Amino acid sequence: MKIDCTQCEMYRSTHCDDCLVSAVLHPIDAPVEIDDELGSSVGALAGAGLIPVLRFRPRAEPATEPPAAETG
């Protein structure tokens, strides 16, 4: 799993401070990759309260306006 914190809705918010990536790898200066094999271990540690959970939420795509109708 590749995590780019700049693409997270919570980037630089108070929630960011309590995220797995920020807590373990602070400061973040590049995208982070968490190997799929580590995912269950990280989940178990977070579930036990030993590390923060991953709070990454992708930013919502901005709404696009439909093209203007042509007159003529």
N, C-alpha and C. Protein backbone atom coordinates (compact mmCIF):
# COMPACT_ATOMS: atom_id res chain seq x y z
N MET A 1 0.85 -1.15 0.00
CA MET A 1 0.00 0.00 0.00
C MET A 1 0.91 1.23 0.00
N LYS A 2 0.65 2.13 -0.92
CA LYS A 2 1.41 3.37 -1.01
C LYS A 2 0.58 4.50 -0.42
N ILE A 3 1.18 5.26 0.50
CA ILE A 3 0.48 6.34 1.19
C ILE A 3 1.20 7.64 0.92
N ASP A 4 0.50 8.58 0.32
CA ASP A 4 1.02 9.93 0.09
C ASP A 4 0.22 10.87 0.98
N CYS A 5 0.82 11.29 2.07
CA CYS A 5 0.10 12.09 3.06
C CYS A 5 -0.45 13.39 2.48
N THR A 6 0.19 13.93 1.46
CA THR A 6 -0.31 15.18 0.88
C THR A 6 -1.64 14.97 0.16
N GLN A 7 -2.00 13.71 -0.11
CA GLN A 7 -3.26 13.40 -0.77
C GLN A 7 -4.34 12.96 0.21
N CYS A 8 -4.08 13.14 1.51
CA CYS A 8 -5.02 12.73 2.56
C CYS A 8 -5.88 13.93 2.97
N GLU A 9 -7.17 13.69 3.22
CA GLU A 9 -8.07 14.75 3.67
C GLU A 9 -7.63 15.33 5.01
N MET A 10 -6.91 14.57 5.80
CA MET A 10 -6.52 15.00 7.14
C MET A 10 -5.11 15.57 7.21
N TYR A 11 -4.48 15.77 6.06
CA TYR A 11 -3.10 16.24 6.01
C TYR A 11 -2.95 17.55 6.77
N ARG A 12 -2.01 17.56 7.68
CA ARG A 12 -1.68 18.72 8.53
C ARG A 12 -2.84 19.19 9.40
N SER A 13 -3.70 18.26 9.80
CA SER A 13 -4.77 18.57 10.74
C SER A 13 -4.43 17.92 12.08
N THR A 14 -5.29 18.09 13.06
CA THR A 14 -5.05 17.45 14.35
C THR A 14 -5.12 15.93 14.24
N HIS A 15 -5.90 15.43 13.28
CA HIS A 15 -5.99 13.98 13.08
C HIS A 15 -4.69 13.42 12.53
N CYS A 16 -3.98 14.21 11.78
CA CYS A 16 -2.70 13.79 11.19
C CYS A 16 -1.71 13.42 12.29
N ASP A 17 -1.72 14.15 13.39
CA ASP A 17 -0.79 13.88 14.48
C ASP A 17 -1.02 12.53 15.13
N ASP A 18 -2.23 11.99 15.03
CA ASP A 18 -2.55 10.71 15.66
C ASP A 18 -2.68 9.59 14.63
N CYS A 19 -1.97 9.72 13.52
CA CYS A 19 -2.00 8.72 12.46
C CYS A 19 -0.74 7.85 12.55
N LEU A 20 -0.87 6.62 12.17
CA LEU A 20 0.26 5.69 12.17
C LEU A 20 1.47 6.26 11.44
N VAL A 21 1.26 6.78 10.26
CA VAL A 21 2.39 7.26 9.44
C VAL A 21 3.09 8.42 10.13
N SER A 22 2.34 9.39 10.63
CA SER A 22 2.95 10.54 11.30
C SER A 22 3.66 10.14 12.58
N ALA A 23 3.03 9.26 13.36
CA ALA A 23 3.60 8.87 14.64
C ALA A 23 4.88 8.06 14.49
N VAL A 24 4.91 7.18 13.50
CA VAL A 24 6.06 6.30 13.34
C VAL A 24 7.15 6.92 12.47
N LEU A 25 6.78 7.68 11.46
CA LEU A 25 7.75 8.17 10.48
C LEU A 25 7.89 9.68 10.45
N HIS A 26 7.44 10.36 11.48
CA HIS A 26 7.45 11.83 11.48
C HIS A 26 8.87 12.36 11.44
N PRO A 27 9.21 13.37 10.68
CA PRO A 27 8.36 14.07 9.72
C PRO A 27 8.30 13.33 8.39
N ILE A 28 7.21 13.48 7.71
CA ILE A 28 6.99 12.80 6.44
C ILE A 28 7.42 13.71 5.31
N ASP A 29 8.30 13.22 4.47
CA ASP A 29 8.77 14.05 3.36
C ASP A 29 8.61 13.38 2.01
N ALA A 30 8.05 12.17 1.99
CA ALA A 30 7.86 11.45 0.74
C ALA A 30 6.77 10.40 0.94
N PRO A 31 6.18 9.92 -0.14
CA PRO A 31 5.20 8.84 0.00
C PRO A 31 5.81 7.63 0.70
N VAL A 32 4.98 6.90 1.43
CA VAL A 32 5.41 5.75 2.21
C VAL A 32 4.76 4.50 1.65
N GLU A 33 5.50 3.41 1.62
CA GLU A 33 4.92 2.13 1.20
C GLU A 33 4.92 1.18 2.38
N ILE A 34 3.75 0.61 2.66
CA ILE A 34 3.62 -0.42 3.69
C ILE A 34 3.39 -1.73 2.96
N ASP A 35 4.29 -2.65 3.14
CA ASP A 35 4.22 -3.94 2.48
C ASP A 35 2.95 -4.68 2.90
N ASP A 36 2.30 -5.34 1.97
CA ASP A 36 1.06 -6.05 2.27
C ASP A 36 1.26 -7.11 3.35
N GLU A 37 2.44 -7.71 3.41
CA GLU A 37 2.71 -8.72 4.42
C GLU A 37 2.74 -8.12 5.83
N LEU A 38 3.06 -6.85 5.93
CA LEU A 38 3.09 -6.19 7.24
C LEU A 38 1.73 -5.67 7.66
N GLY A 39 0.80 -5.60 6.72
CA GLY A 39 -0.51 -5.03 7.01
C GLY A 39 -1.21 -5.67 8.18
N SER A 40 -1.21 -7.00 8.26
CA SER A 40 -1.91 -7.66 9.37
C SER A 40 -1.19 -7.43 10.69
N SER A 41 0.13 -7.37 10.66
CA SER A 41 0.89 -7.11 11.89
C SER A 41 0.63 -5.69 12.38
N VAL A 42 0.64 -4.74 11.46
CA VAL A 42 0.36 -3.34 11.82
C VAL A 42 -1.06 -3.23 12.36
N GLY A 43 -1.99 -3.93 11.74
CA GLY A 43 -3.38 -3.92 12.21
C GLY A 43 -3.52 -4.50 13.61
N ALA A 44 -2.78 -5.56 13.90
CA ALA A 44 -2.83 -6.17 15.23
C ALA A 44 -2.25 -5.23 16.28
N LEU A 45 -1.13 -4.60 15.97
CA LEU A 45 -0.53 -3.66 16.92
C LEU A 45 -1.44 -2.46 17.17
N ALA A 46 -2.06 -1.95 16.11
CA ALA A 46 -2.98 -0.82 16.25
C ALA A 46 -4.23 -1.25 17.03
N GLY A 47 -4.72 -2.45 16.75
CA GLY A 47 -5.89 -2.95 17.46
C GLY A 47 -5.65 -3.12 18.95
N ALA A 48 -4.41 -3.42 19.31
CA ALA A 48 -4.05 -3.58 20.72
C ALA A 48 -3.72 -2.24 21.39
N GLY A 49 -3.74 -1.16 20.61
CA GLY A 49 -3.47 0.16 21.16
C GLY A 49 -1.99 0.46 21.33
N LEU A 50 -1.14 -0.35 20.72
CA LEU A 50 0.30 -0.14 20.87
C LEU A 50 0.85 0.89 19.90
N ILE A 51 0.17 1.09 18.80
CA ILE A 51 0.54 2.12 17.82
C ILE A 51 -0.75 2.76 17.32
N PRO A 52 -0.68 3.98 16.80
CA PRO A 52 -1.89 4.61 16.25
C PRO A 52 -2.38 3.87 15.01
N VAL A 53 -3.64 4.04 14.70
CA VAL A 53 -4.21 3.46 13.49
C VAL A 53 -3.87 4.33 12.29
N LEU A 54 -3.96 3.75 11.12
CA LEU A 54 -3.77 4.50 9.88
C LEU A 54 -5.04 5.30 9.62
N ARG A 55 -4.92 6.60 9.57
CA ARG A 55 -6.09 7.47 9.39
C ARG A 55 -6.19 8.03 7.98
N PHE A 56 -5.42 7.51 7.06
CA PHE A 56 -5.41 8.02 5.69
C PHE A 56 -6.79 7.93 5.06
N ARG A 57 -7.23 9.04 4.53
CA ARG A 57 -8.49 9.12 3.77
C ARG A 57 -8.20 9.91 2.51
N PRO A 58 -8.34 9.29 1.34
CA PRO A 58 -8.05 10.01 0.10
C PRO A 58 -8.91 11.26 -0.02
N ARG A 59 -8.30 12.30 -0.57
CA ARG A 59 -9.06 13.54 -0.81
C ARG A 59 -10.16 13.26 -1.83
N ALA A 60 -11.31 13.86 -1.61
CA ALA A 60 -12.41 13.73 -2.56
C ALA A 60 -12.04 14.49 -3.83
N GLU A 61 -12.40 13.93 -4.95
CA GLU A 61 -12.14 14.60 -6.22
C GLU A 61 -13.01 15.85 -6.28
N PRO A 62 -12.44 16.96 -6.72
CA PRO A 62 -13.25 18.18 -6.83
C PRO A 62 -14.35 18.00 -7.87
N ALA A 63 -15.49 18.56 -7.58
CA ALA A 63 -16.61 18.48 -8.52
C ALA A 63 -16.25 19.25 -9.78
N THR A 64 -16.55 18.67 -10.91
CA THR A 64 -16.28 19.36 -12.17
C THR A 64 -17.59 19.85 -12.75
N GLU A 65 -17.53 21.00 -13.36
CA GLU A 65 -18.73 21.57 -13.97
C GLU A 65 -18.92 20.96 -15.35
N PRO A 66 -20.16 20.71 -15.73
CA PRO A 66 -20.39 20.18 -17.08
C PRO A 66 -19.99 21.24 -18.11
N PRO A 67 -19.57 20.80 -19.28
CA PRO A 67 -19.18 21.78 -20.31
C PRO A 67 -20.37 22.68 -20.69
N ALA A 68 -20.07 23.92 -20.97
CA ALA A 68 -21.10 24.88 -21.34
C ALA A 68 -21.69 24.48 -22.70
N ALA A 69 -22.99 24.65 -22.82
CA ALA A 69 -23.65 24.33 -24.09
C ALA A 69 -23.25 25.37 -25.13
N GLU A 70 -22.96 24.88 -26.32
CA GLU A 70 -22.59 25.81 -27.39
C GLU A 70 -23.84 26.41 -28.00
N THR A 71 -23.78 27.68 -28.32
CA THR A 71 -24.88 28.35 -29.00
C THR A 71 -24.45 28.69 -30.41
N GLY A 72 -25.36 28.66 -31.29
CA GLY A 72 -24.94 29.06 -32.62
C GLY A 72 -25.78 28.67 -33.68
